[in-house]
C-alpha atoms as a PDB file:
ATOM      1  CA  MET A   1       0.117  -0.079  -0.171  1.00  0.00           C
ATOM      2  CA  LYS A   2       1.336   3.294  -0.848  1.00  0.00           C
ATOM      3  CA  LEU A   3       2.577   5.914   2.026  1.00  0.00           C
ATOM      4  CA  LYS A   4      -0.230   8.838   0.539  1.00  0.00           C
ATOM      5  CA  THR A   5      -3.005   6.142   0.630  1.00  0.00           C
ATOM      6  CA  LEU A   6      -2.481   4.801   4.071  1.00  0.00           C
ATOM      7  CA  LEU A   7      -2.440   8.821   5.260  1.00  0.00           C
ATOM      8  CA  TYR A   8      -5.633   9.026   3.234  1.00  0.00           C
ATOM      9  CA  ILE A   9      -6.744   6.063   5.177  1.00  0.00           C
ATOM     10  CA  LEU A  10      -5.613   7.732   8.689  1.00  0.00           C
ATOM     11  CA  ILE A  11      -7.194  10.954   7.937  1.00  0.00           C
ATOM     12  CA  SER A  12     -10.687   9.417   6.967  1.00  0.00           C
ATOM     13  CA  THR A  13     -10.684   7.085   9.771  1.00  0.00           C
ATOM     14  CA  PHE A  14     -10.439   9.957  12.011  1.00  0.00           C
ATOM     15  CA  LEU A  15     -12.338  12.475  10.907  1.00  0.00           C
ATOM     16  CA  PHE A  16     -15.326   9.146  10.475  1.00  0.00           C
ATOM     17  CA  SER A  17     -14.760   8.448  14.284  1.00  0.00           C
ATOM     18  CA  SER A  18     -15.135  11.969  15.112  1.00  0.00           C
ATOM     19  CA  MET A  19     -18.319  12.568  13.381  1.00  0.00           C
ATOM     20  CA  GLU A  20     -20.957  11.405  15.903  1.00  0.00           C
ATOM     21  CA  ILE A  21     -18.815  13.485  18.468  1.00  0.00           C
ATOM     22  CA  ALA A  22     -19.047  16.697  16.537  1.00  0.00           C
ATOM     23  CA  LEU A  23     -22.557  16.470  15.707  1.00  0.00           C
ATOM     24  CA  LYS A  24     -23.465  15.595  19.402  1.00  0.00           C
ATOM     25  CA  ILE A  25     -21.994  18.955  20.306  1.00  0.00           C
ATOM     26  CA  ALA A  26     -23.590  20.772  17.342  1.00  0.00           C
ATOM     27  CA  GLY A  27     -26.978  19.216  17.913  1.00  0.00           C
ATOM     28  CA  GLY A  28     -27.514  21.288  21.187  1.00  0.00           C
ATOM     29  CA  SER A  29     -27.334  24.675  18.947  1.00  0.00           C
ATOM     30  CA  PHE A  30     -29.254  23.338  15.813  1.00  0.00           C
ATOM     31  CA  ASN A  31     -32.509  21.725  14.582  1.00  0.00           C
ATOM     32  CA  PRO A  32     -31.188  18.364  13.704  1.00  0.00           C
ATOM     33  CA  VAL A  33     -32.781  18.340  10.379  1.00  0.00           C
ATOM     34  CA  GLU A  34     -31.331  21.712   9.407  1.00  0.00           C
ATOM     35  CA  LEU A  35     -27.833  20.586  10.777  1.00  0.00           C
ATOM     36  CA  ASN A  36     -28.194  17.571   8.313  1.00  0.00           C
ATOM     37  CA  PHE A  37     -29.262  19.884   5.470  1.00  0.00           C
ATOM     38  CA  VAL A  38     -26.335  22.238   5.992  1.00  0.00           C
ATOM     39  CA  ARG A  39     -23.838  19.408   6.015  1.00  0.00           C
ATOM     40  CA  PHE A  40     -24.655  17.727   3.284  1.00  0.00           C
ATOM     41  CA  LEU A  41     -25.508  20.879   1.221  1.00  0.00           C
ATOM     42  CA  VAL A  42     -21.787  22.461   1.983  1.00  0.00           C
ATOM     43  CA  GLY A  43     -20.383  18.872   1.624  1.00  0.00           C
ATOM     44  CA  GLY A  44     -21.634  18.316  -1.710  1.00  0.00           C
ATOM     45  CA  ILE A  45     -20.633  21.789  -2.767  1.00  0.00           C
ATOM     46  CA  PHE A  46     -17.119  21.083  -1.540  1.00  0.00           C
ATOM     47  CA  LEU A  47     -17.028  17.799  -3.748  1.00  0.00           C
ATOM     48  CA  LEU A  48     -18.450  19.461  -6.788  1.00  0.00           C
ATOM     49  CA  PRO A  49     -15.250  20.519  -8.375  1.00  0.00           C
ATOM     50  CA  PHE A  50     -13.452  17.424  -8.096  1.00  0.00           C
ATOM     51  CA  ALA A  51     -16.929  15.397  -9.439  1.00  0.00           C
ATOM     52  CA  LEU A  52     -16.798  17.758 -12.180  1.00  0.00           C
ATOM     53  CA  HIS A  53     -13.680  17.166 -12.942  1.00  0.00           C
ATOM     54  CA  ASN A  54     -13.927  13.579 -13.194  1.00  0.00           C
ATOM     55  CA  LEU A  55     -16.830  13.910 -15.491  1.00  0.00           C
ATOM     56  CA  ASN A  56     -14.790  15.958 -17.823  1.00  0.00           C
ATOM     57  CA  LYS A  57     -12.341  13.622 -18.071  1.00  0.00           C
ATOM     58  CA  LYS A  58     -14.683  10.921 -19.317  1.00  0.00           C
ATOM     59  CA  ASN A  59     -16.640  13.734 -21.405  1.00  0.00           C
ATOM     60  CA  HIS A  60     -19.772  12.484 -19.498  1.00  0.00           C
ATOM     61  CA  LYS A  61     -22.693  14.916 -19.871  1.00  0.00           C
ATOM     62  CA  LEU A  62     -25.580  14.421 -17.058  1.00  0.00           C
ATOM     63  CA  ASN A  63     -28.943  13.521 -18.336  1.00  0.00           C
ATOM     64  CA  TRP A  64     -32.212  13.100 -16.609  1.00  0.00           C
ATOM     65  CA  ARG A  65     -31.660   9.209 -15.893  1.00  0.00           C
ATOM     66  CA  ASP A  66     -28.678  10.346 -13.931  1.00  0.00           C
ATOM     67  CA  TRP A  67     -30.362  12.734 -12.058  1.00  0.00           C
ATOM     68  CA  ARG A  68     -33.028  10.233 -11.219  1.00  0.00           C
ATOM     69  CA  ALA A  69     -30.068   8.068  -9.992  1.00  0.00           C
ATOM     70  CA  PHE A  70     -28.583  10.788  -7.727  1.00  0.00           C
ATOM     71  CA  ALA A  71     -31.939  11.811  -6.418  1.00  0.00           C
ATOM     72  CA  ILE A  72     -32.901   7.960  -5.417  1.00  0.00           C
ATOM     73  CA  THR A  73     -29.924   7.416  -3.662  1.00  0.00           C
ATOM     74  CA  GLY A  74     -29.636  11.118  -2.140  1.00  0.00           C
ATOM     75  CA  PHE A  75     -33.209  10.421  -0.738  1.00  0.00           C
ATOM     76  CA  THR A  76     -32.115   7.344   0.906  1.00  0.00           C
ATOM     77  CA  CYS A  77     -29.085   8.633   2.336  1.00  0.00           C
ATOM     78  CA  VAL A  78     -29.640  12.175   3.356  1.00  0.00           C
ATOM     79  CA  VAL A  79     -33.581  12.351   3.852  1.00  0.00           C
ATOM     80  CA  ILE A  80     -33.854   8.982   5.135  1.00  0.00           C
ATOM     81  CA  SER A  81     -30.667   7.559   6.686  1.00  0.00           C
ATOM     82  CA  MET A  82     -28.825  10.633   7.893  1.00  0.00           C
ATOM     83  CA  THR A  83     -31.947  12.132   9.701  1.00  0.00           C
ATOM     84  CA  LEU A  84     -32.579   8.884  11.326  1.00  0.00           C
ATOM     85  CA  TYR A  85     -28.538   9.191  12.368  1.00  0.00           C
ATOM     86  CA  GLN A  86     -28.819  12.674  13.637  1.00  0.00           C
ATOM     87  CA  LEU A  87     -32.001  12.153  15.491  1.00  0.00           C
ATOM     88  CA  ALA A  88     -30.269   9.040  16.926  1.00  0.00           C
ATOM     89  CA  ILE A  89     -27.058  10.981  18.343  1.00  0.00           C
ATOM     90  CA  GLN A  90     -29.520  13.483  19.987  1.00  0.00           C
ATOM     91  CA  VAL A  91     -31.222  10.652  22.172  1.00  0.00           C
ATOM     92  CA  THR A  92     -28.316   8.298  22.839  1.00  0.00           C
ATOM     93  CA  GLU A  93     -25.094   8.096  23.309  1.00  0.00           C
ATOM     94  CA  ALA A  94     -22.554   8.893  20.579  1.00  0.00           C
ATOM     95  CA  SER A  95     -20.195   6.237  20.648  1.00  0.00           C
ATOM     96  CA  THR A  96     -23.183   3.865  20.237  1.00  0.00           C
ATOM     97  CA  VAL A  97     -24.536   5.378  17.221  1.00  0.00           C
ATOM     98  CA  ALA A  98     -20.917   5.152  15.592  1.00  0.00           C
ATOM     99  CA  ILE A  99     -20.843   1.427  16.445  1.00  0.00           C
ATOM    100  CA  LEU A 100     -24.015   0.952  14.817  1.00  0.00           C
ATOM    101  CA  LEU A 101     -23.387   2.959  11.987  1.00  0.00           C
ATOM    102  CA  SER A 102     -20.251   0.878  10.926  1.00  0.00           C
ATOM    103  CA  ALA A 103     -22.367  -2.279  10.756  1.00  0.00           C
ATOM    104  CA  ASN A 104     -23.786  -0.823   7.723  1.00  0.00           C
ATOM    105  CA  PRO A 105     -21.840  -3.046   5.375  1.00  0.00           C
ATOM    106  CA  ALA A 106     -23.278  -6.188   6.977  1.00  0.00           C
ATOM    107  CA  PHE A 107     -26.878  -4.760   6.372  1.00  0.00           C
ATOM    108  CA  GLY A 108     -25.531  -3.670   2.701  1.00  0.00           C
ATOM    109  CA  MET A 109     -24.810  -7.575   2.122  1.00  0.00           C
ATOM    110  CA  LEU A 110     -28.022  -8.794   3.472  1.00  0.00           C
ATOM    111  CA  ILE A 111     -29.568  -6.460   1.193  1.00  0.00           C
ATOM    112  CA  GLY A 112     -27.791  -7.592  -1.881  1.00  0.00           C
ATOM    113  CA  LEU A 113     -28.359 -11.016  -1.173  1.00  0.00           C
ATOM    114  CA  VAL A 114     -32.159 -10.697  -0.698  1.00  0.00           C
ATOM    115  CA  PHE A 115     -32.843  -8.182  -3.446  1.00  0.00           C
ATOM    116  CA  LEU A 116     -29.973  -8.821  -5.876  1.00  0.00           C
ATOM    117  CA  ASN A 117     -29.314 -12.288  -5.156  1.00  0.00           C
ATOM    118  CA  GLU A 118     -25.650 -11.769  -4.331  1.00  0.00           C
ATOM    119  CA  ARG A 119     -23.558 -14.688  -3.468  1.00  0.00           C
ATOM    120  CA  LEU A 120     -22.320 -14.695   0.055  1.00  0.00           C
ATOM    121  CA  THR A 121     -18.758 -16.120   0.448  1.00  0.00           C
ATOM    122  CA  ARG A 122     -17.635 -18.272   3.587  1.00  0.00           C
ATOM    123  CA  THR A 123     -15.451 -14.889   4.698  1.00  0.00           C
ATOM    124  CA  ASN A 124     -18.707 -12.654   4.175  1.00  0.00           C
ATOM    125  CA  THR A 125     -21.128 -15.359   5.908  1.00  0.00           C
ATOM    126  CA  LEU A 126     -18.643 -15.369   8.635  1.00  0.00           C
ATOM    127  CA  ALA A 127     -18.030 -11.559   9.402  1.00  0.00           C
ATOM    128  CA  LEU A 128     -21.605 -11.008   8.862  1.00  0.00           C
ATOM    129  CA  LEU A 129     -22.568 -13.397  11.627  1.00  0.00           C
ATOM    130  CA  LEU A 130     -20.000 -11.755  14.071  1.00  0.00           C
ATOM    131  CA  THR A 131     -21.063  -8.239  13.231  1.00  0.00           C
ATOM    132  CA  LEU A 132     -24.575  -8.948  14.261  1.00  0.00           C
ATOM    133  CA  ILE A 133     -23.687 -11.155  17.244  1.00  0.00           C
ATOM    134  CA  GLY A 134     -21.020  -8.150  18.258  1.00  0.00           C
ATOM    135  CA  LEU A 135     -24.021  -5.976  17.720  1.00  0.00           C
ATOM    136  CA  ALA A 136     -26.376  -7.953  20.005  1.00  0.00           C
ATOM    137  CA  ILE A 137     -23.690  -7.815  22.612  1.00  0.00           C
ATOM    138  CA  ILE A 138     -23.086  -4.190  22.401  1.00  0.00           C
ATOM    139  CA  ILE A 139     -27.036  -3.406  22.481  1.00  0.00           C
ATOM    140  CA  ASN A 140     -27.766  -6.139  25.233  1.00  0.00           C
ATOM    141  CA  PRO A 141     -31.450  -6.605  24.170  1.00  0.00           C
ATOM    142  CA  PHE A 142     -32.262  -7.964  27.825  1.00  0.00           C
ATOM    143  CA  LYS A 143     -31.065  -4.553  29.626  1.00  0.00           C
ATOM    144  CA  LEU A 144     -32.596  -2.161  26.956  1.00  0.00           C
ATOM    145  CA  THR A 145     -32.185   1.400  28.617  1.00  0.00           C
ATOM    146  CA  ASN A 146     -32.853   3.324  25.465  1.00  0.00           C
ATOM    147  CA  VAL A 147     -35.031   1.456  22.965  1.00  0.00           C
ATOM    148  CA  PHE A 148     -36.012   4.784  20.849  1.00  0.00           C
ATOM    149  CA  GLY A 149     -32.164   5.772  20.386  1.00  0.00           C
ATOM    150  CA  ILE A 150     -31.439   2.028  19.389  1.00  0.00           C
ATOM    151  CA  THR A 151     -33.659   1.634  17.312  1.00  0.00           C
ATOM    152  CA  LEU A 152     -33.478   5.036  15.454  1.00  0.00           C
ATOM    153  CA  GLY A 153     -29.337   3.846  15.324  1.00  0.00           C
ATOM    154  CA  LEU A 154     -30.483   0.359  13.784  1.00  0.00           C
ATOM    155  CA  LEU A 155     -32.472   1.895  10.823  1.00  0.00           C
ATOM    156  CA  CYS A 156     -30.077   4.491  10.045  1.00  0.00           C
ATOM    157  CA  SER A 157     -27.484   1.650   9.795  1.00  0.00           C
ATOM    158  CA  ILE A 158     -29.919  -0.267   7.809  1.00  0.00           C
ATOM    159  CA  THR A 159     -30.793   2.417   5.348  1.00  0.00           C
ATOM    160  CA  PHE A 160     -27.273   3.479   4.895  1.00  0.00           C
ATOM    161  CA  GLY A 161     -26.455   0.011   3.869  1.00  0.00           C
ATOM    162  CA  LEU A 162     -29.541   0.111   1.462  1.00  0.00           C
ATOM    163  CA  TYR A 163     -27.715   3.671   0.047  1.00  0.00           C
ATOM    164  CA  GLY A 164     -24.535   1.935  -0.211  1.00  0.00           C
ATOM    165  CA  VAL A 165     -26.237  -0.662  -2.586  1.00  0.00           C
ATOM    166  CA  LEU A 166     -28.161   1.834  -4.420  1.00  0.00           C
ATOM    167  CA  SER A 167     -25.164   3.724  -4.858  1.00  0.00           C
ATOM    168  CA  ARG A 168     -22.725   0.798  -6.251  1.00  0.00           C
ATOM    169  CA  VAL A 169     -25.828  -0.408  -8.491  1.00  0.00           C
ATOM    170  CA  ASN A 170     -26.334   2.893  -9.874  1.00  0.00           C
ATOM    171  CA  SER A 171     -22.554   3.936 -10.368  1.00  0.00           C
ATOM    172  CA  ASN A 172     -22.141   0.632 -12.080  1.00  0.00           C
ATOM    173  CA  LYS A 173     -25.285   1.273 -14.348  1.00  0.00           C
ATOM    174  CA  ARG A 174     -24.684   5.100 -15.190  1.00  0.00           C
ATOM    175  CA  HIS A 175     -20.599   4.401 -15.196  1.00  0.00           C
ATOM    176  CA  PHE A 176     -19.705   6.967 -12.451  1.00  0.00           C
ATOM    177  CA  ASP A 177     -16.949   6.728  -9.953  1.00  0.00           C
ATOM    178  CA  GLY A 178     -17.764   6.797  -6.199  1.00  0.00           C
ATOM    179  CA  LEU A 179     -16.767  10.236  -5.587  1.00  0.00           C
ATOM    180  CA  THR A 180     -19.079  11.856  -8.330  1.00  0.00           C
ATOM    181  CA  MET A 181     -21.984   9.539  -7.339  1.00  0.00           C
ATOM    182  CA  THR A 182     -21.378  10.733  -3.755  1.00  0.00           C
ATOM    183  CA  CYS A 183     -21.166  14.461  -4.747  1.00  0.00           C
ATOM    184  CA  PHE A 184     -24.513  14.695  -6.726  1.00  0.00           C
ATOM    185  CA  SER A 185     -26.206  12.207  -4.170  1.00  0.00           C
ATOM    186  CA  PHE A 186     -25.310  14.804  -1.518  1.00  0.00           C
ATOM    187  CA  ILE A 187     -26.735  17.855  -3.313  1.00  0.00           C
ATOM    188  CA  SER A 188     -29.815  16.233  -4.471  1.00  0.00           C
ATOM    189  CA  GLY A 189     -30.571  14.585  -1.014  1.00  0.00           C
ATOM    190  CA  ALA A 190     -29.885  18.140   0.322  1.00  0.00           C
ATOM    191  CA  ILE A 191     -32.249  19.618  -2.250  1.00  0.00           C
ATOM    192  CA  GLU A 192     -34.943  17.121  -1.453  1.00  0.00           C
ATOM    193  CA  LEU A 193     -34.506  17.853   2.380  1.00  0.00           C
ATOM    194  CA  ALA A 194     -35.109  21.790   1.797  1.00  0.00           C
ATOM    195  CA  ILE A 195     -38.236  20.775  -0.014  1.00  0.00           C
ATOM    196  CA  PHE A 196     -39.822  18.761   3.029  1.00  0.00           C
ATOM    197  CA  MET A 197     -38.265  21.501   4.999  1.00  0.00           C
ATOM    198  CA  ALA A 198     -40.330  24.301   3.367  1.00  0.00           C
ATOM    199  CA  PHE A 199     -43.557  21.654   3.596  1.00  0.00           C
ATOM    200  CA  THR A 200     -43.233  21.990   7.730  1.00  0.00           C
ATOM    201  CA  HIS A 201     -43.681  26.024   7.179  1.00  0.00           C
ATOM    202  CA  VAL A 202     -47.284  25.276   5.716  1.00  0.00           C
ATOM    203  CA  PRO A 203     -49.616  25.982   8.777  1.00  0.00           C
ATOM    204  CA  SER A 204     -51.624  22.944   8.554  1.00  0.00           C
ATOM    205  CA  ILE A 205     -48.641  20.647   8.253  1.00  0.00           C
ATOM    206  CA  ALA A 206     -46.910  22.436  10.839  1.00  0.00           C
ATOM    207  CA  LYS A 207     -49.645  22.003  13.366  1.00  0.00           C
ATOM    208  CA  SER A 208     -49.870  18.228  12.392  1.00  0.00           C
ATOM    209  CA  LEU A 209     -45.995  17.994  12.876  1.00  0.00           C
ATOM    210  CA  SER A 210     -46.065  19.965  16.030  1.00  0.00           C
ATOM    211  CA  GLY A 211     -46.216  16.733  18.243  1.00  0.00           C
ATOM    212  CA  ILE A 212     -42.754  15.795  16.661  1.00  0.00           C
ATOM    213  CA  LYS A 213     -39.932  17.543  18.387  1.00  0.00           C
ATOM    214  CA  GLY A 214     -37.881  19.746  15.860  1.00  0.00           C
ATOM    215  CA  PHE A 215     -40.280  18.554  12.839  1.00  0.00           C
ATOM    216  CA  SER A 216     -42.373  21.754  12.601  1.00  0.00           C
ATOM    217  CA  ASN A 217     -41.207  24.796  10.999  1.00  0.00           C
ATOM    218  CA  ILE A 218     -37.793  23.505  10.558  1.00  0.00           C
ATOM    219  CA  PRO A 219     -35.268  26.609  10.014  1.00  0.00           C
ATOM    220  CA  TYR A 220     -32.766  26.444   7.169  1.00  0.00           C
ATOM    221  CA  PHE A 221     -29.946  28.425   8.481  1.00  0.00           C
ATOM    222  CA  ALA A 222     -30.898  29.654  11.959  1.00  0.00           C
ATOM    223  CA  GLY A 223     -28.496  29.866  14.796  1.00  0.00           C
ATOM    224  CA  ILE A 224     -25.245  30.165  12.408  1.00  0.00           C
ATOM    225  CA  THR A 225     -22.921  32.773  14.179  1.00  0.00           C
ATOM    226  CA  TRP A 226     -19.341  33.614  14.021  1.00  0.00           C
ATOM    227  CA  SER A 227     -18.615  31.368  16.954  1.00  0.00           C
ATOM    228  CA  ALA A 228     -20.286  28.360  15.317  1.00  0.00           C
ATOM    229  CA  ILE A 229     -19.003  28.460  11.992  1.00  0.00           C
ATOM    230  CA  PRO A 230     -15.632  26.432  12.528  1.00  0.00           C
ATOM    231  CA  LEU A 231     -17.776  23.846  14.095  1.00  0.00           C
ATOM    232  CA  LEU A 232     -20.045  23.674  11.015  1.00  0.00           C
ATOM    233  CA  ALA A 233     -17.284  23.722   8.570  1.00  0.00           C
ATOM    234  CA  TYR A 234     -15.293  20.867  10.490  1.00  0.00           C
ATOM    235  CA  ILE A 235     -18.796  18.877  10.256  1.00  0.00           C
ATOM    236  CA  SER A 236     -19.654  19.846   6.655  1.00  0.00           C
ATOM    237  CA  ILE A 237     -16.293  20.047   4.598  1.00  0.00           C
ATOM    238  CA  LEU A 238     -14.184  17.920   6.781  1.00  0.00           C
ATOM    239  CA  VAL A 239     -16.215  15.117   7.956  1.00  0.00           C
ATOM    240  CA  THR A 240     -18.931  15.149   5.288  1.00  0.00           C
ATOM    241  CA  GLY A 241     -17.089  16.485   2.390  1.00  0.00           C
ATOM    242  CA  LEU A 242     -13.191  15.396   2.859  1.00  0.00           C
ATOM    243  CA  ALA A 243     -13.822  12.222   4.629  1.00  0.00           C
ATOM    244  CA  PHE A 244     -16.148  10.892   2.044  1.00  0.00           C
ATOM    245  CA  GLY A 245     -13.842  12.087  -0.423  1.00  0.00           C
ATOM    246  CA  LEU A 246     -10.697  10.605   0.481  1.00  0.00           C
ATOM    247  CA  TYR A 247     -12.931   7.113   1.040  1.00  0.00           C
ATOM    248  CA  PHE A 248     -13.788   7.121  -2.662  1.00  0.00           C
ATOM    249  CA  ILE A 249     -10.078   8.043  -3.651  1.00  0.00           C
ATOM    250  CA  VAL A 250      -8.563   5.023  -1.542  1.00  0.00           C
ATOM    251  CA  MET A 251     -11.543   2.951  -3.103  1.00  0.00           C
ATOM    252  CA  ASP A 252     -10.332   3.584  -6.560  1.00  0.00           C
ATOM    253  CA  GLU A 253      -6.912   3.758  -5.736  1.00  0.00           C
ATOM    254  CA  ALA A 254      -6.177   0.445  -3.786  1.00  0.00           C
ATOM    255  CA  GLY A 255      -9.731  -1.266  -3.777  1.00  0.00           C
ATOM    256  CA  ILE A 256     -12.836  -2.169  -1.581  1.00  0.00           C
ATOM    257  CA  PRO A 257     -11.019  -3.875   1.006  1.00  0.00           C
ATOM    258  CA  ALA A 258      -8.351  -1.144   1.882  1.00  0.00           C
ATOM    259  CA  ALA A 259     -11.206   1.607   2.117  1.00  0.00           C
ATOM    260  CA  SER A 260     -13.272  -0.919   4.078  1.00  0.00           C
ATOM    261  CA  LEU A 261     -10.222  -0.628   7.039  1.00  0.00           C
ATOM    262  CA  ILE A 262     -11.962   2.991   7.845  1.00  0.00           C
ATOM    263  CA  PHE A 263     -15.397   1.295   8.840  1.00  0.00           C
ATOM    264  CA  PHE A 264     -13.666  -1.505  10.513  1.00  0.00           C
ATOM    265  CA  ILE A 265     -11.222   0.693  12.935  1.00  0.00           C
ATOM    266  CA  LYS A 266     -14.118   3.155  13.594  1.00  0.00           C
ATOM    267  CA  PRO A 267     -16.010   1.156  16.049  1.00  0.00           C
ATOM    268  CA  ALA A 268     -12.794   0.938  17.807  1.00  0.00           C
ATOM    269  CA  LEU A 269     -11.800   4.585  17.776  1.00  0.00           C
ATOM    270  CA  ALA A 270     -14.895   6.058  17.863  1.00  0.00           C
ATOM    271  CA  PRO A 271     -15.702   5.236  21.825  1.00  0.00           C
ATOM    272  CA  VAL A 272     -12.233   5.893  22.793  1.00  0.00           C
ATOM    273  CA  LEU A 273     -12.866   9.887  21.479  1.00  0.00           C
ATOM    274  CA  ALA A 274     -16.345   9.944  23.230  1.00  0.00           C
ATOM    275  CA  LEU A 275     -14.880   8.953  26.258  1.00  0.00           C
ATOM    276  CA  PHE A 276     -11.754  11.735  26.346  1.00  0.00           C
ATOM    277  CA  ILE A 277     -14.249  14.553  24.546  1.00  0.00           C
ATOM    278  CA  LEU A 278     -17.731  13.818  25.719  1.00  0.00           C
ATOM    279  CA  GLY A 279     -17.140  11.937  28.762  1.00  0.00           C
ATOM    280  CA  GLU A 280     -19.080   8.765  27.725  1.00  0.00           C
ATOM    281  CA  PRO A 281     -17.998   5.563  29.568  1.00  0.00           C
ATOM    282  CA  ILE A 282     -17.049   2.663  27.515  1.00  0.00           C
ATOM    283  CA  HIS A 283     -19.039  -0.280  28.814  1.00  0.00           C
ATOM    284  CA  ILE A 284     -17.857  -3.760  29.381  1.00  0.00           C
ATOM    285  CA  ASN A 285     -20.285  -5.262  27.015  1.00  0.00           C
ATOM    286  CA  THR A 286     -19.489  -2.553  24.180  1.00  0.00           C
ATOM    287  CA  ILE A 287     -15.744  -3.360  24.485  1.00  0.00           C
ATOM    288  CA  VAL A 288     -16.905  -7.267  23.996  1.00  0.00           C
ATOM    289  CA  GLY A 289     -18.872  -6.535  21.316  1.00  0.00           C
ATOM    290  CA  ILE A 290     -16.318  -4.119  19.336  1.00  0.00           C
ATOM    291  CA  VAL A 291     -13.685  -6.929  19.789  1.00  0.00           C
ATOM    292  CA  VAL A 292     -16.249  -9.171  18.132  1.00  0.00           C
ATOM    293  CA  ILE A 293     -17.170  -6.844  15.485  1.00  0.00           C
ATOM    294  CA  LEU A 294     -13.187  -5.962  14.726  1.00  0.00           C
ATOM    295  CA  ILE A 295     -12.812 -10.039  14.704  1.00  0.00           C
ATOM    296  CA  GLY A 296     -15.364 -10.197  11.767  1.00  0.00           C
ATOM    297  CA  SER A 297     -13.347  -7.498   9.893  1.00  0.00           C
ATOM    298  CA  VAL A 298     -10.318  -8.990  10.184  1.00  0.00           C
ATOM    299  CA  ILE A 299     -11.646 -12.290   8.861  1.00  0.00           C
ATOM    300  CA  THR A 300     -12.898  -9.949   5.934  1.00  0.00           C
ATOM    301  CA  LEU A 301      -9.726  -8.618   5.317  1.00  0.00           C
ATOM    302  CA  ALA A 302      -7.695 -11.538   5.623  1.00  0.00           C
ATOM    303  CA  GLY A 303      -9.863 -13.825   3.448  1.00  0.00           C
ATOM    304  CA  GLU A 304     -11.498 -16.923   2.597  1.00  0.00           C
ATOM    305  CA  ARG A 305      -8.890 -19.148   4.164  1.00  0.00           C
ATOM    306  CA  ILE A 306      -9.635 -17.922   7.909  1.00  0.00           C
ATOM    307  CA  ALA A 307     -12.957 -18.534   7.313  1.00  0.00           C
ATOM    308  CA  LEU A 308     -12.791 -21.893   5.880  1.00  0.00           C
ATOM    309  CA  GLN A 309     -10.183 -23.212   8.878  1.00  0.00           C
ATOM    310  CA  MET A 310     -12.841 -21.662  11.504  1.00  0.00           C
ATOM    311  CA  SER A 311     -15.852 -23.136   9.783  1.00  0.00           C
ATOM    312  CA  LYS A 312     -14.066 -26.586  10.261  1.00  0.00           C
ATOM    313  CA  TRP A 313     -13.001 -26.114  13.602  1.00  0.00           C
ATOM    314  CA  VAL A 314     -16.461 -25.134  14.567  1.00  0.00           C
ATOM    315  CA  ASN A 315     -17.720 -28.511  12.808  1.00  0.00           C
ATOM    316  CA  ARG A 316     -15.291 -30.885  14.613  1.00  0.00           C
ATOM    317  CA  GLU A 317     -16.502 -29.342  17.879  1.00  0.00           C
END
């Protein structure tokens, strides 16, 4: 692996791992839907010059089918998944949400299996089982203290896995690189979210949504002061724009396994950052669950041989 690629992985891993913490801090000053709108709008605009450069290199002119693909992936990611994600961060621990989101590749594999008839290798099957077991250990269903927050986090991870599948399918069909697909999906999703936000200002709709905190008369740019700009810039440009951009550059240069390292390390790093920055405790079941998920990640990276040896060992037992 090239030193430059390794540097990209390290930078994006830290940014992704700090994402929930930064959003948790910002969530105290902004409406969660508003924050979601701002970060993806600015993040998409940050990626726009690079996406346009890639389109020009391929001499690809966008048509209505391309925009339809962007609208579908943007709606799935920004409007549904990331809104659930932002709400989950507000009602439960940031470290828990970070771990739940990192399980999205496992849900993506299940979605691909069910709807696209994709084949699961021994490696993927074993990694998937370990990920689900690790999640069960972390969630601890026998001692649930925040059912609503955990549910939001799981729905966010599942729908983000769906976004990954849709993005992959549309990228292959429309011949886009990952960065271009991400850029226009972010911008399309932000526009769709802006339309939804406009409807919440209609008196009859605002009244019907008044029972759901933060969903009535959603502001667009309220609370943006000079003191808040550094945090918003970090979230929008670095965490949302740069981190995703580097992720797809790594994927294009070194392949999916190398890029997947980012989400494999995130479950272990995010709780540590949350401990030092937010003071969130790391529970024993969280540590055990993280270890189980990391074992699944190592198996994914190491390949079929480890999965085959482990399956033989289990069968002997």
